[in-house]
N, C-alpha and C. Protein backbone atom coordinates (compact mmCIF):
# COMPACT_ATOMS: atom_id res chain seq x y z
N UNK A 1 10.12 -112.16 16.17
CA UNK A 1 10.92 -111.42 17.13
C UNK A 1 12.36 -111.25 16.65
N UNK A 2 12.91 -112.31 16.07
CA UNK A 2 14.30 -112.23 15.59
C UNK A 2 14.43 -111.22 14.45
N UNK A 3 13.41 -111.15 13.60
CA UNK A 3 13.44 -110.20 12.50
C UNK A 3 13.39 -108.77 13.04
N UNK A 4 12.54 -108.54 14.03
CA UNK A 4 12.44 -107.21 14.65
C UNK A 4 13.78 -106.84 15.31
N UNK A 5 14.41 -107.82 15.97
CA UNK A 5 15.71 -107.58 16.60
C UNK A 5 16.75 -107.18 15.56
N UNK A 6 16.75 -107.87 14.43
CA UNK A 6 17.71 -107.57 13.37
C UNK A 6 17.49 -106.15 12.84
N UNK A 7 16.23 -105.75 12.68
CA UNK A 7 15.91 -104.41 12.19
C UNK A 7 16.38 -103.36 13.19
N UNK A 8 16.14 -103.59 14.47
CA UNK A 8 16.56 -102.65 15.50
C UNK A 8 18.08 -102.53 15.57
N UNK A 9 18.78 -103.65 15.43
CA UNK A 9 20.24 -103.62 15.45
C UNK A 9 20.80 -102.82 14.27
N UNK A 10 20.18 -102.98 13.11
CA UNK A 10 20.63 -102.24 11.93
C UNK A 10 20.38 -100.74 12.12
N UNK A 11 19.19 -100.40 12.63
CA UNK A 11 18.87 -98.99 12.86
C UNK A 11 19.82 -98.38 13.90
N UNK A 12 20.15 -99.14 14.94
CA UNK A 12 21.08 -98.68 15.97
C UNK A 12 22.45 -98.40 15.36
N UNK A 13 22.91 -99.33 14.53
CA UNK A 13 24.22 -99.18 13.88
C UNK A 13 24.21 -97.99 12.93
N UNK A 14 23.12 -97.81 12.19
CA UNK A 14 23.01 -96.69 11.26
C UNK A 14 23.01 -95.35 12.00
N UNK A 15 22.31 -95.29 13.13
CA UNK A 15 22.31 -94.07 13.92
C UNK A 15 23.70 -93.75 14.43
N UNK A 16 24.43 -94.78 14.84
CA UNK A 16 25.79 -94.59 15.32
C UNK A 16 26.67 -93.99 14.21
N UNK A 17 26.52 -94.51 13.00
CA UNK A 17 27.30 -93.99 11.87
C UNK A 17 26.89 -92.56 11.55
N UNK A 18 25.61 -92.26 11.62
CA UNK A 18 25.13 -90.91 11.33
C UNK A 18 25.63 -89.92 12.36
N UNK A 19 25.63 -90.32 13.62
CA UNK A 19 26.14 -89.45 14.69
C UNK A 19 27.62 -89.18 14.48
N UNK A 20 28.37 -90.21 14.14
CA UNK A 20 29.81 -90.03 13.87
C UNK A 20 30.03 -89.09 12.69
N UNK A 21 29.23 -89.23 11.64
CA UNK A 21 29.37 -88.38 10.46
C UNK A 21 29.05 -86.93 10.80
N UNK A 22 28.00 -86.70 11.57
CA UNK A 22 27.65 -85.33 11.96
C UNK A 22 28.71 -84.72 12.87
N UNK A 23 29.25 -85.53 13.75
CA UNK A 23 30.28 -85.04 14.66
C UNK A 23 31.56 -84.68 13.90
N UNK A 24 31.87 -85.46 12.87
CA UNK A 24 33.07 -85.21 12.08
C UNK A 24 32.92 -84.00 11.16
N UNK A 25 31.67 -83.60 10.90
CA UNK A 25 31.43 -82.45 10.03
C UNK A 25 31.94 -81.18 10.71
N UNK A 26 32.20 -80.17 9.92
CA UNK A 26 32.76 -78.92 10.45
C UNK A 26 31.87 -78.24 11.47
N UNK A 27 30.57 -78.17 11.21
CA UNK A 27 29.64 -77.50 12.13
C UNK A 27 28.53 -78.47 12.52
N UNK A 28 28.75 -79.26 13.54
CA UNK A 28 27.74 -80.24 13.93
C UNK A 28 26.51 -79.57 14.55
N UNK A 29 25.35 -80.12 14.26
CA UNK A 29 24.08 -79.64 14.81
C UNK A 29 23.85 -80.37 16.13
N UNK A 30 24.11 -79.70 17.23
CA UNK A 30 24.04 -80.33 18.55
C UNK A 30 22.63 -80.84 18.88
N UNK A 31 21.61 -80.11 18.46
CA UNK A 31 20.24 -80.53 18.74
C UNK A 31 19.90 -81.82 18.00
N UNK A 32 20.30 -81.89 16.74
CA UNK A 32 20.04 -83.09 15.96
C UNK A 32 20.83 -84.28 16.52
N UNK A 33 22.06 -84.05 16.91
CA UNK A 33 22.88 -85.12 17.49
C UNK A 33 22.26 -85.61 18.79
N UNK A 34 21.77 -84.69 19.62
CA UNK A 34 21.14 -85.06 20.89
C UNK A 34 19.89 -85.91 20.64
N UNK A 35 19.10 -85.54 19.63
CA UNK A 35 17.90 -86.32 19.30
C UNK A 35 18.27 -87.71 18.82
N UNK A 36 19.32 -87.79 18.02
CA UNK A 36 19.76 -89.09 17.51
C UNK A 36 20.26 -89.97 18.64
N UNK A 37 21.00 -89.38 19.58
CA UNK A 37 21.50 -90.15 20.71
C UNK A 37 20.36 -90.65 21.58
N UNK A 38 19.33 -89.82 21.75
CA UNK A 38 18.15 -90.23 22.54
C UNK A 38 17.45 -91.39 21.85
N UNK A 39 17.29 -91.31 20.53
CA UNK A 39 16.66 -92.39 19.77
C UNK A 39 17.50 -93.67 19.87
N UNK A 40 18.82 -93.49 19.83
CA UNK A 40 19.73 -94.64 19.93
C UNK A 40 19.59 -95.34 21.28
N UNK A 41 19.42 -94.56 22.35
CA UNK A 41 19.23 -95.15 23.67
C UNK A 41 17.90 -95.91 23.76
N UNK A 42 16.86 -95.37 23.14
CA UNK A 42 15.57 -96.07 23.12
C UNK A 42 15.69 -97.39 22.37
N UNK A 43 16.41 -97.36 21.26
CA UNK A 43 16.63 -98.58 20.50
C UNK A 43 17.39 -99.61 21.32
N UNK A 44 18.39 -99.14 22.06
CA UNK A 44 19.19 -100.04 22.89
C UNK A 44 18.31 -100.72 23.93
N UNK A 45 17.38 -99.97 24.53
CA UNK A 45 16.46 -100.55 25.51
C UNK A 45 15.55 -101.59 24.87
N UNK A 46 15.04 -101.29 23.67
CA UNK A 46 14.18 -102.24 22.96
C UNK A 46 14.95 -103.50 22.60
N UNK A 47 16.19 -103.33 22.17
CA UNK A 47 17.04 -104.47 21.81
C UNK A 47 17.26 -105.35 23.03
N UNK A 48 17.54 -104.73 24.16
CA UNK A 48 17.77 -105.49 25.39
C UNK A 48 16.53 -106.28 25.80
N UNK A 49 15.36 -105.67 25.67
CA UNK A 49 14.12 -106.36 26.02
C UNK A 49 13.89 -107.58 25.14
N UNK A 50 14.10 -107.42 23.84
CA UNK A 50 13.90 -108.54 22.92
C UNK A 50 14.93 -109.63 23.17
N UNK A 51 16.18 -109.24 23.40
CA UNK A 51 17.21 -110.24 23.68
C UNK A 51 16.90 -111.01 24.96
N UNK A 52 16.41 -110.31 25.98
CA UNK A 52 16.04 -110.99 27.22
C UNK A 52 14.90 -111.97 26.99
N UNK A 53 13.98 -111.62 26.11
CA UNK A 53 12.85 -112.49 25.80
C UNK A 53 13.33 -113.73 25.03
N UNK A 54 14.22 -113.51 24.08
CA UNK A 54 14.69 -114.62 23.24
C UNK A 54 15.70 -115.51 23.96
N UNK A 55 16.49 -114.92 24.84
CA UNK A 55 17.52 -115.68 25.56
C UNK A 55 17.25 -115.52 27.05
N UNK A 56 16.37 -116.35 27.61
CA UNK A 56 16.04 -116.20 29.03
C UNK A 56 17.22 -116.60 29.91
N UNK A 57 17.26 -115.99 31.09
CA UNK A 57 18.30 -116.35 32.07
C UNK A 57 18.04 -117.75 32.61
N UNK A 58 19.10 -118.51 32.73
CA UNK A 58 18.99 -119.86 33.27
C UNK A 58 19.52 -119.83 34.70
N UNK A 59 18.67 -120.19 35.61
CA UNK A 59 19.06 -120.19 37.01
C UNK A 59 19.82 -121.49 37.28
N UNK A 60 21.06 -121.34 37.71
CA UNK A 60 21.90 -122.52 37.95
C UNK A 60 21.83 -122.94 39.40
């Protein structure tokens, strides 16, 4: 699970860098950026699920 989490975090970070690079380009492709942002949100959800599994809430 920790290995999968690390892979997802790297992919999330890479997508963020790619989105920034496309946005900084002279003519950004809005459709491609939208797809990347959607993928990034899915990754964020997967990351949250794995983190919740690995670090359970402690009821005080």
